[in-house]
Amino acid sequence: MHTYLVGGAVRDKLLGRPEGDRDHVVTGACPEDLLALGYRPVGKDFPVFLHPRTGEEYALARTERKSGRGYHGFLFQADPSVTLEQDLARRDLTINAIAEDEHGILIDPYGGARDIEARVLRHVSPAFVEDPVRLLRVARFAARFAPLGFRVADETMELLQRMVAEGEVDHLVPERVWAETRKALAEPQPSAFLRVLREAGALRVLFPEVDALYGVPQRAEFHPEIDTGVHMEMVLDAAAAIAPGDDLVGFCALTHDLGKALTPVDELPRHVMHEQRGVAPLRALAARLKVPAEHAALAEVVCREHLNAHRALELKPATVLKLLVALDALRRPERLETFLAACLADKRGRLGHGHDAYPQAAYLRQAREAAAAVTAAPFVAQGLAGPAIGAAMERARAAAIAGQSLK
C-alpha cells in the first residue's frame, strides 16, 4: 500500500500559495485494509476515508468510465490493481493531476508542473468531455488564477466548445451550476469565469440574461467602456476587490444591470427604467438556478435601488428612509454593507474610475444610525397607539436623517 498527496495541495505548493485541503490517493489497497488501520469511511459513491488522526481525506485509487449522459453517468472501479497514473488520468486539468510521494518526489505523468510554469489550464485527456461540470470548473479556475496570468489552452477551449455544441452542458442540474458559480463569484477575478463560458458558447445556455448584456451600448460620458457586458465584468472584478471572497456581493454585482438588455433599441444608449426592467430577468435567473433566498432578495434591492444609492446625497430624507427600509437595514445593518459594496463596485467598474471615492456610503451609514436611534417609547408615552406610532416614527426618522451632514 502506498499513499500520495494529490491535487490542489500539490498544485498550490508549486504555485507558492497557501495549501488548502490536503487530499490523498491510496494505491495497492482495498477498503478492508484502511478500515483495519482505523480510517473512517465517508464516501458514498466510491471509497473515501478520513485519517484517524489528521482527519484528512484518503481515497482509494480509481478509474471511471462513462455510462450515460450528464455528470451522474459514470461507473467507478476501485481495487488494488488501479495505478496512481490511472487515477490521475481521470482528473480534469493537468495542474490538478500531480501527486507527491512521502519523500516529496513529484509524480507528474501529464505535465502539470510544466503547465503551471507556463500558466496554462489544459485538460488531462479526451475523457474530459464526458463530465459537463468540468466546463464550469475550468471557468472557475480561470477566475482564481487569471491574476497569475493563467489562460485556457486552445485545445481545451475547443473541447469546451464541443461539449456545448453536443448538448452535454444541457444536462447540468441547477444546483451544480449554482455551486460552481457561487465559488467563481468568490474568486479574485470573476470576470474570467464569464469570459471562458462565453468563448465556449455556454454563457448563452446557462446565463442567457447575462449573455444578453454583451454588445448593448451605454452613454460614454457615464460609461467610457460603452459595452454593458464589459461594464458588468468590471463591476464583478471591482466587487471581488472591495469584498474579497464574498459571493453575495458578487451575485449582486453580476445581476445589477440585467434590465439594460431589455432597453428598447430606439432608446439606446440611454437606459431609462433599467432598474425596474431588471427585476424580471433577475428573478428568472435566481429561480432557474435555485439561488439562495437571501442572495435573490438582496440582488433585487441592488437592481432596483443602485441609482438611488449613487444619488443618495441629493435624495429627500423620506426617500433615503424608504431605501433603508427596503433593505431592512434598520434591523439588519449588515445588509446595508452588502448593498454599499455592490454599489461601490458599480461606481468603480467603469473605464478610468477604478479608484473613485464614494461619499454616499458614509452618508447612508450615518442616515441608518440616525434612523435606527428613533424608538417607539417616546410616542407610546405621548399616548399614541397602533398605526399612529408607526407614522410618528417614520416622520421622526426622516427628520433625524435630515439632520445629518456628511462627516
Protein backbone atom coordinates (compact mmCIF):
# COMPACT_ATOMS: atom_id res chain seq x y z
CA MET A 1 0.00 0.00 0.00
CA HIS A 2 1.28 3.49 -0.93
CA THR A 3 -0.20 6.91 -0.22
CA TYR A 4 0.31 10.12 -2.18
CA LEU A 5 -0.63 13.75 -1.69
CA VAL A 6 -2.61 14.81 -4.77
CA GLY A 7 -4.48 17.62 -6.45
CA GLY A 8 -4.85 21.15 -5.14
CA ALA A 9 -2.37 20.84 -2.28
CA VAL A 10 0.43 19.85 -4.67
CA ARG A 11 -0.61 22.46 -7.23
CA ASP A 12 -0.73 25.28 -4.68
CA LYS A 13 2.63 24.29 -3.22
CA LEU A 14 4.17 24.60 -6.69
CA LEU A 15 2.50 28.00 -7.10
CA GLY A 16 3.78 29.18 -3.73
CA ARG A 17 0.23 29.60 -2.46
CA PRO A 18 -1.08 28.57 0.97
CA GLU A 19 -2.23 24.97 0.94
CA GLY A 20 -5.94 24.31 1.38
CA ASP A 21 -7.39 20.85 1.94
CA ARG A 22 -4.89 18.02 1.72
CA ASP A 23 -6.24 15.06 -0.24
CA HIS A 24 -4.52 11.73 -0.70
CA VAL A 25 -4.73 8.74 -3.01
CA VAL A 26 -4.03 5.22 -1.78
CA THR A 27 -2.81 2.52 -4.18
CA GLY A 28 -2.44 -1.22 -3.64
CA ALA A 29 -5.16 -1.37 -1.01
CA CYS A 30 -8.82 -2.31 -0.53
CA PRO A 31 -11.37 -0.81 1.86
CA GLU A 32 -10.74 -3.50 4.46
CA ASP A 33 -7.06 -2.53 4.65
CA LEU A 34 -7.92 1.08 5.56
CA LEU A 35 -10.64 0.05 7.99
CA ALA A 36 -8.16 -2.20 9.76
CA LEU A 37 -5.86 0.83 10.21
CA GLY A 38 -8.63 2.86 11.82
CA TYR A 39 -9.63 5.02 8.85
CA ARG A 40 -13.28 6.13 8.89
CA PRO A 41 -15.32 5.66 5.69
CA VAL A 42 -17.20 8.69 4.34
CA GLY A 43 -17.57 8.07 0.61
CA LYS A 44 -20.97 7.10 -0.78
CA ASP A 45 -20.21 6.56 -4.47
CA PHE A 46 -16.61 5.36 -4.09
CA PRO A 47 -14.24 4.51 -1.21
CA VAL A 48 -13.12 7.65 0.62
CA PHE A 49 -11.81 7.58 4.19
CA LEU A 50 -10.74 10.03 6.88
CA HIS A 51 -7.36 9.56 8.54
CA PRO A 52 -7.81 8.51 12.18
CA ARG A 53 -5.55 11.29 13.49
CA THR A 54 -5.40 14.13 10.95
CA GLY A 55 -8.93 13.87 9.55
CA GLU A 56 -7.52 14.34 6.03
CA GLU A 57 -9.19 12.53 3.12
CA TYR A 58 -7.71 9.36 1.67
CA ALA A 59 -9.37 7.89 -1.43
CA LEU A 60 -8.61 4.55 -3.00
CA ALA A 61 -7.15 4.96 -6.48
CA ARG A 62 -9.94 4.53 -9.01
CA THR A 63 -10.81 4.68 -12.66
CA GLU A 64 -14.10 5.85 -14.12
CA ARG A 65 -15.96 5.03 -17.29
CA LYS A 66 -18.78 6.97 -18.94
CA SER A 67 -22.10 5.11 -18.82
CA GLY A 68 -24.70 7.79 -19.58
CA ARG A 69 -25.40 11.49 -20.13
CA GLY A 70 -24.51 14.25 -17.72
CA TYR A 71 -22.19 14.05 -14.74
CA HIS A 72 -24.00 11.19 -12.98
CA GLY A 73 -23.39 8.74 -15.83
CA PHE A 74 -20.16 7.12 -14.59
CA LEU A 75 -19.07 3.70 -13.44
CA PHE A 76 -16.17 3.55 -10.98
CA GLN A 77 -13.60 0.87 -10.36
CA ALA A 78 -11.51 0.99 -7.18
CA ASP A 79 -9.32 -2.01 -6.34
CA PRO A 80 -5.65 -2.70 -5.54
CA SER A 81 -4.80 -3.08 -9.24
CA VAL A 82 -5.57 0.57 -10.12
CA THR A 83 -2.34 2.53 -10.51
CA LEU A 84 -1.60 6.11 -9.49
CA GLU A 85 -1.23 7.11 -13.15
CA GLN A 86 -4.68 5.68 -13.92
CA ASP A 87 -6.18 7.63 -11.04
CA LEU A 88 -4.51 10.86 -12.13
CA ALA A 89 -5.72 10.32 -15.71
CA ARG A 90 -9.37 10.75 -14.69
CA ARG A 91 -8.76 14.26 -13.30
CA ASP A 92 -9.83 17.40 -15.14
CA LEU A 93 -6.75 19.59 -15.58
CA THR A 94 -3.06 18.75 -15.71
CA ILE A 95 -2.34 21.18 -12.88
CA ASN A 96 -4.65 19.09 -10.69
CA ALA A 97 -3.18 15.75 -11.82
CA ILE A 98 0.13 15.90 -9.93
CA ALA A 99 0.99 13.68 -6.97
CA GLU A 100 3.72 13.82 -4.34
CA ASP A 101 5.06 10.79 -2.50
CA GLU A 102 6.12 10.61 1.14
CA HIS A 103 9.64 11.75 0.19
CA GLY A 104 8.42 14.89 -1.60
CA ILE A 105 9.07 13.49 -5.06
CA LEU A 106 6.57 14.58 -7.73
CA ILE A 107 4.75 12.08 -9.92
CA ASP A 108 3.58 14.13 -12.88
CA PRO A 109 2.73 11.92 -15.86
CA TYR A 110 0.62 14.55 -17.66
CA GLY A 111 2.89 17.61 -17.48
CA GLY A 112 1.06 19.57 -14.81
CA ALA A 113 4.19 21.19 -13.40
CA ARG A 114 5.14 22.33 -16.90
CA ASP A 115 1.68 23.86 -17.36
CA ILE A 116 1.92 25.60 -14.01
CA GLU A 117 5.19 27.14 -15.17
CA ALA A 118 3.60 28.14 -18.50
CA ARG A 119 0.42 29.37 -16.76
CA VAL A 120 -1.89 27.14 -18.83
CA LEU A 121 -5.15 25.40 -17.92
CA ARG A 122 -5.08 22.23 -20.02
CA HIS A 123 -7.25 19.11 -19.93
CA VAL A 124 -5.65 15.79 -19.00
CA SER A 125 -7.30 13.54 -21.59
CA PRO A 126 -10.11 13.43 -24.17
CA ALA A 127 -12.31 11.92 -21.44
CA PHE A 128 -12.59 15.49 -20.14
CA VAL A 129 -15.66 15.99 -22.35
CA GLU A 130 -17.60 13.28 -20.52
CA ASP A 131 -18.32 15.43 -17.45
CA PRO A 132 -20.08 18.76 -18.13
CA VAL A 133 -19.26 20.08 -14.66
CA ARG A 134 -15.66 20.32 -15.85
CA LEU A 135 -16.59 23.19 -18.14
CA LEU A 136 -17.70 25.16 -15.10
CA ARG A 137 -14.63 24.10 -13.15
CA VAL A 138 -12.26 25.30 -15.87
CA ALA A 139 -14.07 28.65 -15.90
CA ARG A 140 -13.85 28.82 -12.11
CA PHE A 141 -10.14 28.01 -12.11
CA ALA A 142 -9.71 30.77 -14.69
CA ALA A 143 -11.35 33.18 -12.22
CA ARG A 144 -8.96 32.02 -9.50
CA PHE A 145 -5.74 32.01 -11.47
CA ALA A 146 -6.24 34.78 -14.07
CA PRO A 147 -4.42 37.26 -11.80
CA LEU A 148 -1.38 34.95 -12.05
CA GLY A 149 -1.52 35.01 -15.84
CA PHE A 150 -3.22 31.67 -16.48
CA ARG A 151 -5.15 31.11 -19.71
CA VAL A 152 -7.14 28.21 -21.13
CA ALA A 153 -5.19 26.13 -23.66
CA ASP A 154 -6.52 26.41 -27.20
CA GLU A 155 -7.18 22.68 -27.47
CA THR A 156 -9.04 22.72 -24.15
CA MET A 157 -11.24 25.59 -25.33
CA GLU A 158 -12.04 23.55 -28.43
CA LEU A 159 -13.22 20.72 -26.17
CA LEU A 160 -15.36 23.13 -24.15
CA GLN A 161 -16.98 24.39 -27.35
CA ARG A 162 -17.61 20.82 -28.45
CA MET A 163 -19.29 19.99 -25.14
CA VAL A 164 -21.67 22.90 -25.64
CA ALA A 165 -22.34 22.05 -29.31
CA GLU A 166 -23.11 18.42 -28.45
CA GLY A 167 -25.55 19.41 -25.69
CA GLU A 168 -23.59 17.93 -22.81
CA VAL A 169 -23.99 21.19 -20.88
CA ASP A 170 -27.77 20.87 -21.14
CA HIS A 171 -27.59 18.04 -18.61
CA LEU A 172 -26.18 20.20 -15.82
CA VAL A 173 -28.61 20.45 -12.92
CA PRO A 174 -29.23 23.90 -11.40
CA GLU A 175 -27.63 23.01 -8.08
CA ARG A 176 -24.29 22.21 -9.71
CA VAL A 177 -24.36 25.33 -11.89
CA TRP A 178 -25.05 27.49 -8.85
CA ALA A 179 -22.43 25.72 -6.68
CA GLU A 180 -19.67 26.39 -9.22
CA THR A 181 -20.93 29.92 -9.94
CA ARG A 182 -21.01 30.77 -6.27
CA LYS A 183 -17.39 29.67 -5.89
CA ALA A 184 -16.40 31.62 -9.01
CA LEU A 185 -18.00 34.80 -7.66
CA ALA A 186 -15.76 34.50 -4.61
CA GLU A 187 -12.57 34.20 -6.68
CA PRO A 188 -10.19 37.14 -7.29
CA GLN A 189 -11.20 37.74 -10.94
CA PRO A 190 -14.78 36.55 -11.56
CA SER A 191 -14.86 38.19 -14.98
CA ALA A 192 -12.62 35.38 -16.25
CA PHE A 193 -15.35 32.88 -15.35
CA LEU A 194 -17.77 34.68 -17.67
CA ARG A 195 -15.26 35.12 -20.46
CA VAL A 196 -14.43 31.42 -20.55
CA LEU A 197 -18.10 30.46 -20.55
CA ARG A 198 -18.84 33.00 -23.26
CA GLU A 199 -16.00 31.87 -25.51
CA ALA A 200 -17.14 28.28 -25.08
CA GLY A 201 -20.71 29.24 -26.01
CA ALA A 202 -22.02 28.17 -22.60
CA LEU A 203 -22.93 31.60 -21.23
CA ARG A 204 -25.94 31.93 -23.53
CA VAL A 205 -27.08 28.45 -22.44
CA LEU A 206 -26.58 28.77 -18.68
CA PHE A 207 -26.91 32.54 -18.17
CA PRO A 208 -28.86 33.97 -21.11
CA GLU A 209 -29.84 37.04 -19.06
CA VAL A 210 -26.16 37.87 -18.56
CA ASP A 211 -25.08 36.95 -22.08
CA ALA A 212 -27.67 39.39 -23.46
CA LEU A 213 -25.75 42.33 -21.95
CA TYR A 214 -22.82 42.00 -24.34
CA GLY A 215 -22.96 44.43 -27.23
CA VAL A 216 -25.55 46.66 -25.55
CA PRO A 217 -24.20 50.26 -25.65
CA GLN A 218 -24.25 52.75 -22.77
CA ARG A 219 -23.69 56.51 -22.66
CA ALA A 220 -19.96 57.17 -22.98
CA GLU A 221 -19.98 60.10 -20.53
CA PHE A 222 -21.05 57.72 -17.74
CA HIS A 223 -19.57 54.51 -19.14
CA PRO A 224 -16.36 55.05 -21.12
CA GLU A 225 -16.21 51.28 -21.62
CA ILE A 226 -19.50 51.57 -23.62
CA ASP A 227 -20.39 47.85 -23.73
CA THR A 228 -22.72 46.79 -20.90
CA GLY A 229 -21.21 43.30 -20.80
CA VAL A 230 -17.74 44.77 -20.34
CA HIS A 231 -19.09 47.05 -17.60
CA MET A 232 -20.61 44.07 -15.82
CA GLU A 233 -17.27 42.23 -15.94
CA MET A 234 -15.53 45.28 -14.50
CA VAL A 235 -18.13 45.54 -11.72
CA LEU A 236 -17.60 41.87 -10.85
CA ASP A 237 -13.86 42.37 -10.51
CA ALA A 238 -14.35 45.58 -8.52
CA ALA A 239 -16.67 43.68 -6.17
CA ALA A 240 -14.03 40.98 -5.72
CA ALA A 241 -11.51 43.67 -4.74
CA ILE A 242 -13.90 45.51 -2.41
CA ALA A 243 -15.33 42.41 -0.70
CA PRO A 244 -12.85 39.54 -1.28
CA GLY A 245 -14.44 36.11 -1.14
CA ASP A 246 -17.99 37.46 -0.73
CA ASP A 247 -20.19 35.67 -3.26
CA LEU A 248 -23.29 37.56 -2.05
CA VAL A 249 -21.77 40.88 -3.13
CA GLY A 250 -20.60 39.12 -6.28
CA PHE A 251 -24.09 37.93 -7.19
CA CYS A 252 -25.50 41.42 -6.63
CA ALA A 253 -22.78 42.77 -8.93
CA LEU A 254 -23.49 40.13 -11.58
CA THR A 255 -27.21 40.93 -11.77
CA HIS A 256 -27.46 44.65 -11.03
CA ASP A 257 -27.83 45.78 -14.67
CA LEU A 258 -29.79 42.93 -16.28
CA GLY A 259 -32.50 45.39 -17.29
CA LYS A 260 -30.19 47.10 -19.77
CA ALA A 261 -30.56 44.14 -22.12
CA LEU A 262 -34.29 44.95 -22.28
CA THR A 263 -33.96 48.64 -23.20
CA PRO A 264 -35.84 49.34 -26.46
CA VAL A 265 -33.40 49.87 -29.33
CA ASP A 266 -34.74 53.33 -30.10
CA GLU A 267 -33.85 54.48 -26.56
CA LEU A 268 -30.19 53.40 -26.68
CA PRO A 269 -27.66 54.28 -25.41
CA ARG A 270 -29.85 55.66 -22.59
CA HIS A 271 -31.32 53.13 -20.17
CA VAL A 272 -34.26 54.80 -18.51
CA MET A 273 -36.07 52.44 -16.09
CA HIS A 274 -33.45 49.72 -16.44
CA GLU A 275 -33.56 49.24 -12.66
CA GLN A 276 -37.21 48.20 -12.82
CA ARG A 277 -36.80 46.22 -16.04
CA GLY A 278 -34.02 44.20 -14.46
CA VAL A 279 -36.18 42.64 -11.76
CA ALA A 280 -37.95 40.11 -14.00
CA PRO A 281 -34.80 38.60 -15.58
CA LEU A 282 -33.11 38.56 -12.18
CA ARG A 283 -36.00 36.62 -10.68
CA ALA A 284 -35.98 34.22 -13.62
CA LEU A 285 -32.25 33.56 -13.26
CA ALA A 286 -32.47 33.12 -9.48
CA ALA A 287 -35.42 30.74 -9.74
CA ARG A 288 -33.83 28.65 -12.51
CA LEU A 289 -30.55 28.21 -10.62
CA LYS A 290 -32.25 27.82 -7.23
CA VAL A 291 -30.23 30.69 -5.83
CA PRO A 292 -30.50 31.09 -2.02
CA ALA A 293 -33.30 33.39 -0.91
CA GLU A 294 -31.01 35.99 0.67
CA HIS A 295 -28.91 36.25 -2.49
CA ALA A 296 -32.01 36.70 -4.63
CA ALA A 297 -33.63 39.22 -2.27
CA LEU A 298 -30.57 41.44 -1.83
CA ALA A 299 -29.70 41.30 -5.52
CA GLU A 300 -33.21 42.53 -6.30
CA VAL A 301 -32.82 45.52 -3.98
CA VAL A 302 -29.45 46.33 -5.55
CA CYS A 303 -31.01 46.04 -9.01
CA ARG A 304 -33.87 48.40 -8.12
CA GLU A 305 -32.05 50.86 -5.91
CA HIS A 306 -28.43 51.19 -7.04
CA LEU A 307 -29.09 54.51 -8.81
CA ASN A 308 -30.69 55.85 -5.64
CA ALA A 309 -27.51 54.92 -3.78
CA HIS A 310 -25.46 56.89 -6.33
CA ARG A 311 -27.84 59.87 -5.86
CA ALA A 312 -28.05 59.49 -2.08
CA LEU A 313 -26.62 62.94 -1.32
CA GLU A 314 -29.39 64.51 -3.44
CA LEU A 315 -32.34 62.46 -2.18
CA LYS A 316 -35.03 63.70 0.16
CA PRO A 317 -34.74 62.28 3.69
CA ALA A 318 -38.01 60.40 3.24
CA THR A 319 -36.62 58.71 0.11
CA VAL A 320 -33.44 57.75 1.93
CA LEU A 321 -35.58 56.20 4.65
CA LYS A 322 -37.55 54.23 2.06
CA LEU A 323 -34.27 52.89 0.71
CA LEU A 324 -33.14 51.81 4.18
CA VAL A 325 -36.49 50.17 4.86
CA ALA A 326 -36.37 48.33 1.52
CA LEU A 327 -33.04 46.89 2.64
CA ASP A 328 -34.37 46.09 6.13
CA ALA A 329 -31.18 47.90 7.15
CA LEU A 330 -32.59 49.34 10.37
CA ARG A 331 -32.83 45.84 11.81
CA ARG A 332 -30.00 44.25 9.80
CA PRO A 333 -27.14 46.72 9.24
CA GLU A 334 -25.06 44.03 7.52
CA ARG A 335 -27.48 44.23 4.59
CA LEU A 336 -26.58 47.87 4.10
CA GLU A 337 -22.89 46.93 3.97
CA THR A 338 -23.54 44.35 1.24
CA PHE A 339 -25.63 46.86 -0.68
CA LEU A 340 -22.97 49.56 -0.41
CA ALA A 341 -20.21 47.19 -1.52
CA ALA A 342 -22.19 46.28 -4.65
CA CYS A 343 -23.00 49.93 -5.39
CA LEU A 344 -19.38 50.98 -4.91
CA ALA A 345 -18.39 48.19 -7.31
CA ASP A 346 -20.87 49.58 -9.85
CA LYS A 347 -19.35 53.03 -9.44
CA ARG A 348 -15.78 51.78 -9.85
CA GLY A 349 -16.49 49.19 -12.53
CA ARG A 350 -16.06 51.70 -15.33
CA LEU A 351 -13.10 52.55 -17.50
CA GLY A 352 -10.91 55.09 -15.69
CA HIS A 353 -12.97 55.06 -12.47
CA GLY A 354 -11.35 52.20 -10.57
CA HIS A 355 -10.40 54.38 -7.58
CA ASP A 356 -13.35 56.79 -7.39
CA ALA A 357 -14.41 57.98 -3.95
CA TYR A 358 -17.92 57.11 -2.79
CA PRO A 359 -19.06 59.55 -0.06
CA GLN A 360 -22.60 58.22 -0.50
CA ALA A 361 -21.61 55.18 1.56
CA ALA A 362 -20.64 57.18 4.64
CA TYR A 363 -23.80 59.28 4.34
CA LEU A 364 -26.08 56.24 4.12
CA ARG A 365 -24.37 54.66 7.14
CA GLN A 366 -24.95 57.86 9.14
CA ALA A 367 -28.53 58.01 7.95
CA ARG A 368 -29.12 54.43 9.06
CA GLU A 369 -27.67 55.09 12.51
CA ALA A 370 -29.79 58.22 12.93
CA ALA A 371 -32.98 56.47 11.83
CA ALA A 372 -32.30 53.35 13.91
CA ALA A 373 -31.87 55.51 17.02
CA VAL A 374 -35.55 56.51 16.84
CA THR A 375 -37.63 54.22 19.06
CA ALA A 376 -41.33 53.85 19.82
CA ALA A 377 -41.05 54.62 23.54
CA PRO A 378 -41.49 58.43 23.37
CA PHE A 379 -44.58 58.11 21.20
CA VAL A 380 -46.15 55.50 23.45
CA ALA A 381 -45.52 57.88 26.34
CA GLN A 382 -47.39 60.56 24.40
CA GLY A 383 -50.42 58.28 24.30
CA LEU A 384 -50.18 57.24 20.66
CA ALA A 385 -51.27 53.74 19.71
CA GLY A 386 -51.40 51.38 16.73
CA PRO A 387 -50.65 52.83 13.28
CA ALA A 388 -50.20 56.30 14.77
CA ILE A 389 -46.97 55.13 16.42
CA GLY A 390 -45.59 53.87 13.10
CA ALA A 391 -46.47 57.11 11.32
CA ALA A 392 -44.88 59.20 14.06
CA MET A 393 -41.72 57.09 13.99
CA GLU A 394 -41.48 57.44 10.23
CA ARG A 395 -41.68 61.23 10.49
CA ALA A 396 -39.11 61.25 13.28
CA ARG A 397 -36.74 59.05 11.36
CA ALA A 398 -36.96 61.22 8.26
CA ALA A 399 -36.27 64.27 10.47
CA ALA A 400 -33.27 62.51 12.02
CA ILE A 401 -31.90 61.76 8.56
CA ALA A 402 -32.48 65.38 7.54
CA GLY A 403 -30.30 66.46 10.45
CA GLN A 404 -27.33 64.51 9.13
CA SER A 405 -24.49 66.16 7.30
CA LEU A 406 -21.62 64.17 5.84
CA LYS A 407 -18.91 63.95 8.50
